[in-house]
Amino acid sequence: MLNSCILFSSSESGKSLGAVPVTTLGYERINSWAFQYQDEEQFIAALTSEQPEPPYYFKEMKRINRDGVKPYHLGVIAPVDQLDPAARTIDLRAKEVFAENTSDGINIPYNSKFLSFAGWYVDYEKPLQFIGDFEQVQQAAAELKLIGFDKVIGYTTANKVKEKSYQQIQPDEFKALNKQTINILDVRTAQEWNDSHFEEAEHLHYGKLLKEVVPYDKNEIIYVYCQTGVRSAIAMSLLKAKGYKNIVNIKGGYDVLEIYYRTS
């Protein structure tokens, strides 16, 4: 029966995708927005509206869907004594932990949103290594295989750097600043930016920070925000990796700032 067919989702990025990794046609007939339209033109309009920016790995997924992949490596990801400077590093620790004990890696905490964030930074031509504990590493490596990546070469639980923490600022402190004289970087999506933003801010999607030019000089102080504080924490690690030293994370993100501005 068609309703008993199982569908697997390899990505958490896309239009109105749910959190379930496995579903059925019967479930989707009832719950999916796509099955609610009978008119073709209305369906096309709904499909093409408010599409999120596709992560860079989508291009690679098209090739994989066409050509297939080699058999995956099934072994355990082993610890290493020293990280490889030629490999890209992802730090799986929580943003609160990373903020107080930074590393040279891109801080993408391992949680239910890991793939949707990590997909922006995976380089299929380059090996990857992790900073995190054993269980986090094994699970994160397994999830990356869902998007065709199987080049995790090792991990460590710590990475010593000179700067132990990065700067953060509370909403009330940010409000007191003269917005005309400071640099503000909005790292949210284009849709979020279009909905509302600070007029004095510059916009650059958090997923594009490695590949695109940051609109501020490396010696200038930059205040960074996203919607809730998660992606700005990722952005802090990316900017740090690009050589930016004077960066300040706005805690709580735009949601908290907006409430604070309305009520104080």
Protein backbone atom coordinates (compact mmCIF):
# COMPACT_ATOMS: atom_id res chain seq x y z
CA MET A 1 0.00 0.00 0.00
CA LEU A 2 1.25 3.49 -0.80
CA ASN A 3 0.47 4.80 2.67
CA SER A 4 2.93 2.35 4.19
CA CYS A 5 5.89 3.56 2.13
CA ILE A 6 8.62 5.16 4.22
CA LEU A 7 10.28 8.37 3.07
CA PHE A 8 13.68 9.48 4.33
CA SER A 9 14.75 13.12 4.50
CA SER A 10 18.49 13.80 4.24
CA SER A 11 18.27 17.52 4.86
CA GLU A 12 16.83 19.85 7.44
CA SER A 13 17.00 22.80 5.06
CA GLY A 14 14.12 23.61 2.76
CA LYS A 15 10.63 25.04 2.66
CA SER A 16 8.55 24.20 5.75
CA LEU A 17 10.38 20.99 6.57
CA GLY A 18 9.45 19.37 9.87
CA ALA A 19 11.75 17.92 12.49
CA VAL A 20 10.94 14.26 11.73
CA PRO A 21 13.72 12.49 9.75
CA VAL A 22 11.39 9.62 8.69
CA THR A 23 7.79 9.93 7.55
CA THR A 24 5.13 8.16 5.47
CA LEU A 25 2.96 9.15 2.52
CA GLY A 26 -0.13 8.76 4.71
CA TYR A 27 1.27 11.22 7.27
CA GLU A 28 2.30 13.69 4.57
CA ARG A 29 -1.12 13.56 2.85
CA ILE A 30 -2.64 14.87 6.08
CA ASN A 31 0.08 17.19 7.39
CA SER A 32 2.17 18.47 4.49
CA TRP A 33 1.37 21.93 3.13
CA ALA A 34 2.08 20.60 -0.38
CA PHE A 35 -0.98 18.33 -0.36
CA GLN A 36 -3.35 21.12 0.65
CA TYR A 37 -3.49 22.67 -2.83
CA GLN A 38 -5.74 21.47 -5.66
CA ASP A 39 -5.00 24.34 -8.05
CA GLU A 40 -1.67 24.14 -9.93
CA GLU A 41 -1.01 27.88 -10.04
CA GLN A 42 -1.69 28.27 -6.32
CA PHE A 43 0.66 25.36 -5.59
CA ILE A 44 3.45 26.90 -7.68
CA ALA A 45 2.97 30.28 -5.98
CA ALA A 46 3.13 28.69 -2.53
CA LEU A 47 6.16 26.57 -3.47
CA THR A 48 8.21 29.46 -4.78
CA SER A 49 7.35 32.01 -2.09
CA GLU A 50 9.53 32.59 0.99
CA GLN A 51 12.08 30.01 -0.02
CA PRO A 52 15.08 29.96 2.36
CA GLU A 53 18.54 30.46 0.93
CA PRO A 54 19.87 26.99 -0.04
CA PRO A 55 23.03 25.90 1.82
CA TYR A 56 26.11 25.44 -0.34
CA TYR A 57 25.93 21.67 -0.05
CA PHE A 58 22.68 21.59 -2.08
CA LYS A 59 24.77 21.84 -5.24
CA GLU A 60 26.73 18.77 -4.19
CA MET A 61 23.52 16.90 -3.35
CA LYS A 62 22.33 17.35 -6.93
CA ARG A 63 25.51 15.66 -8.17
CA ILE A 64 25.16 12.87 -5.62
CA ASN A 65 21.54 12.28 -6.57
CA ARG A 66 22.66 11.95 -10.18
CA ASP A 67 25.89 9.97 -9.81
CA GLY A 68 25.55 8.26 -6.42
CA VAL A 69 28.25 7.98 -3.76
CA LYS A 70 31.05 5.62 -2.87
CA PRO A 71 30.47 3.16 0.03
CA TYR A 72 30.69 4.98 3.34
CA HIS A 73 33.43 4.44 5.88
CA LEU A 74 31.80 2.57 8.78
CA GLY A 75 34.58 2.88 11.36
CA VAL A 76 34.61 4.89 14.57
CA ILE A 77 36.03 8.42 14.43
CA ALA A 78 39.18 8.22 16.53
CA PRO A 79 40.74 10.94 18.72
CA VAL A 80 43.93 12.65 17.53
CA ASP A 81 46.78 14.17 19.50
CA GLN A 82 46.83 17.28 17.36
CA LEU A 83 44.41 18.85 14.90
CA ASP A 84 45.42 18.97 11.24
CA PRO A 85 45.90 22.64 10.19
CA ALA A 86 44.94 21.73 6.61
CA ALA A 87 41.52 20.39 7.62
CA ARG A 88 38.41 22.40 8.44
CA THR A 89 37.49 22.25 12.12
CA ILE A 90 33.97 22.29 13.57
CA ASP A 91 33.55 22.80 17.31
CA LEU A 92 30.51 20.85 18.49
CA ARG A 93 30.31 22.33 21.98
CA ALA A 94 27.36 24.45 23.14
CA LYS A 95 27.60 28.14 22.28
CA GLU A 96 27.72 29.08 25.98
CA VAL A 97 30.72 26.80 26.48
CA PHE A 98 32.45 28.05 23.34
CA ALA A 99 31.91 31.70 24.31
CA GLU A 100 33.91 31.21 27.51
CA ASN A 101 36.51 28.80 26.08
CA THR A 102 36.93 29.44 22.38
CA SER A 103 38.78 27.36 19.81
CA ASP A 104 40.02 27.79 16.25
CA GLY A 105 37.01 25.88 14.94
CA ILE A 106 33.62 26.95 13.58
CA ASN A 107 31.23 26.67 16.52
CA ILE A 108 28.26 24.59 15.34
CA PRO A 109 26.76 22.96 18.45
CA TYR A 110 25.61 19.39 17.96
CA ASN A 111 21.81 19.42 18.27
CA SER A 112 18.73 18.88 16.10
CA LYS A 113 19.75 21.79 13.84
CA PHE A 114 23.32 20.59 13.24
CA LEU A 115 22.93 19.60 9.58
CA SER A 116 21.05 22.76 8.60
CA PHE A 117 23.93 24.85 9.94
CA ALA A 118 26.89 22.62 9.08
CA GLY A 119 25.71 22.27 5.48
CA TRP A 120 26.87 25.81 4.79
CA TYR A 121 30.48 25.06 5.71
CA VAL A 122 31.22 21.51 4.53
CA ASP A 123 33.87 21.44 1.80
CA TYR A 124 33.58 18.17 -0.12
CA GLU A 125 37.17 18.52 -1.33
CA LYS A 126 38.57 19.01 2.14
CA PRO A 127 38.80 16.78 5.26
CA LEU A 128 36.92 17.74 8.39
CA GLN A 129 37.75 17.35 12.07
CA PHE A 130 35.76 17.97 15.23
CA ILE A 131 36.17 19.39 18.70
CA GLY A 132 33.76 17.65 21.06
CA ASP A 133 33.14 14.54 23.11
CA PHE A 134 33.08 11.00 21.73
CA GLU A 135 29.31 10.62 21.40
CA GLN A 136 28.82 14.04 19.79
CA VAL A 137 31.53 13.31 17.25
CA GLN A 138 30.18 9.91 16.20
CA GLN A 139 26.64 11.23 15.82
CA ALA A 140 27.70 14.35 13.94
CA ALA A 141 29.86 12.29 11.54
CA ALA A 142 26.94 9.93 10.93
CA GLU A 143 24.61 12.84 10.13
CA LEU A 144 27.07 14.32 7.65
CA LYS A 145 26.87 11.07 5.69
CA LEU A 146 23.21 11.94 5.03
CA ILE A 147 24.43 14.78 2.84
CA GLY A 148 27.15 12.68 1.20
CA PHE A 149 30.11 13.77 3.30
CA ASP A 150 32.45 11.07 4.64
CA LYS A 151 35.78 12.80 5.24
CA VAL A 152 35.86 13.23 9.03
CA ILE A 153 39.46 12.40 9.97
CA GLY A 154 39.48 12.74 13.75
CA TYR A 155 38.58 14.79 16.78
CA THR A 156 39.87 16.25 20.02
CA THR A 157 38.14 17.36 23.20
CA ALA A 158 40.06 20.63 23.52
CA ASN A 159 41.92 23.16 21.41
CA LYS A 160 44.18 25.70 23.12
CA VAL A 161 44.09 29.27 21.77
CA LYS A 162 45.33 32.63 23.02
CA GLU A 163 41.92 34.28 23.33
CA LYS A 164 39.89 32.29 25.85
CA SER A 165 36.55 34.04 25.30
CA TYR A 166 34.80 36.50 23.04
CA GLN A 167 33.02 39.71 23.97
CA GLN A 168 29.27 39.84 24.55
CA ILE A 169 26.89 42.68 25.30
CA GLN A 170 23.47 42.83 26.96
CA PRO A 171 20.45 44.44 25.20
CA ASP A 172 20.38 47.41 27.58
CA GLU A 173 24.07 48.09 26.93
CA PHE A 174 23.52 47.92 23.18
CA LYS A 175 20.54 50.27 23.34
CA ALA A 176 22.68 52.88 25.09
CA LEU A 177 25.12 52.99 22.15
CA ASN A 178 24.87 55.59 19.40
CA LYS A 179 23.84 53.46 16.41
CA GLN A 180 25.11 56.13 14.00
CA THR A 181 28.69 55.70 15.15
CA ILE A 182 29.04 51.89 15.45
CA ASN A 183 29.25 48.95 13.06
CA ILE A 184 26.34 46.50 13.25
CA LEU A 185 26.28 43.21 11.36
CA ASP A 186 22.99 41.35 10.87
CA VAL A 187 23.66 37.66 10.06
CA ARG A 188 20.04 36.50 9.71
CA THR A 189 18.30 35.26 6.56
CA ALA A 190 17.16 37.60 3.80
CA GLN A 191 13.53 37.03 4.81
CA GLU A 192 14.22 38.00 8.42
CA TRP A 193 16.17 41.05 7.27
CA ASN A 194 13.34 42.13 4.94
CA ASP A 195 10.78 41.73 7.72
CA SER A 196 12.61 44.07 10.10
CA HIS A 197 16.13 45.25 10.94
CA PHE A 198 18.18 48.12 12.33
CA GLU A 199 18.57 50.76 9.64
CA GLU A 200 22.22 51.28 10.60
CA ALA A 201 23.09 47.58 10.16
CA GLU A 202 24.75 45.78 7.25
CA HIS A 203 23.42 42.36 6.24
CA LEU A 204 25.40 39.19 5.50
CA HIS A 205 23.83 35.74 5.91
CA TYR A 206 25.69 33.69 8.54
CA GLY A 207 26.19 30.85 6.08
CA LYS A 208 28.00 33.11 3.62
CA LEU A 209 30.51 34.60 6.03
CA LEU A 210 33.39 32.35 4.94
CA LYS A 211 33.00 32.93 1.20
CA GLU A 212 31.79 36.51 0.93
CA VAL A 213 33.41 39.79 1.91
CA VAL A 214 32.49 41.11 5.35
CA PRO A 215 31.41 44.77 4.95
CA TYR A 216 33.67 46.04 7.74
CA ASP A 217 37.40 46.40 8.30
CA LYS A 218 39.12 43.82 10.53
CA ASN A 219 40.37 46.52 12.89
CA GLU A 220 36.92 48.01 13.55
CA ILE A 221 34.61 47.04 16.39
CA ILE A 222 31.64 45.06 15.01
CA TYR A 223 28.42 44.28 16.91
CA VAL A 224 26.85 41.05 15.65
CA TYR A 225 23.25 39.85 16.00
CA CYS A 226 20.87 37.23 14.62
CA GLN A 227 17.28 36.43 15.64
CA THR A 228 17.82 34.55 18.91
CA GLY A 229 21.58 34.45 19.48
CA VAL A 230 22.37 31.02 18.02
CA ARG A 231 23.57 32.02 14.55
CA SER A 232 25.39 35.09 15.83
CA ALA A 233 27.42 32.74 18.04
CA ILE A 234 28.32 30.74 14.92
CA ALA A 235 29.17 34.02 13.20
CA MET A 236 31.50 35.00 16.03
CA SER A 237 33.60 31.87 15.45
CA LEU A 238 33.61 32.45 11.69
CA LEU A 239 34.68 36.08 11.99
CA LYS A 240 37.36 35.07 14.46
CA ALA A 241 38.61 32.47 11.97
CA LYS A 242 38.80 35.21 9.31
CA GLY A 243 41.00 37.37 11.53
CA TYR A 244 38.44 39.73 13.07
CA LYS A 245 39.48 40.58 16.63
CA ASN A 246 37.10 43.34 17.76
CA ILE A 247 33.77 41.53 17.50
CA VAL A 248 30.95 41.71 20.04
CA ASN A 249 27.99 39.32 20.21
CA ILE A 250 24.62 40.87 21.13
CA LYS A 251 23.08 38.38 23.55
CA GLY A 252 19.54 37.20 22.92
CA GLY A 253 19.46 38.43 19.33
CA TYR A 254 16.90 40.57 17.54
CA ASP A 255 13.93 39.00 19.35
CA VAL A 256 15.17 40.20 22.74
CA LEU A 257 16.31 43.56 21.38
CA GLU A 258 12.93 44.22 19.78
CA ILE A 259 11.07 43.44 23.02
CA TYR A 260 13.52 45.54 25.03
CA TYR A 261 13.12 48.52 22.69
CA ARG A 262 9.33 48.35 22.97
CA THR A 263 9.17 48.01 26.75
CA SER A 264 12.03 50.14 28.07
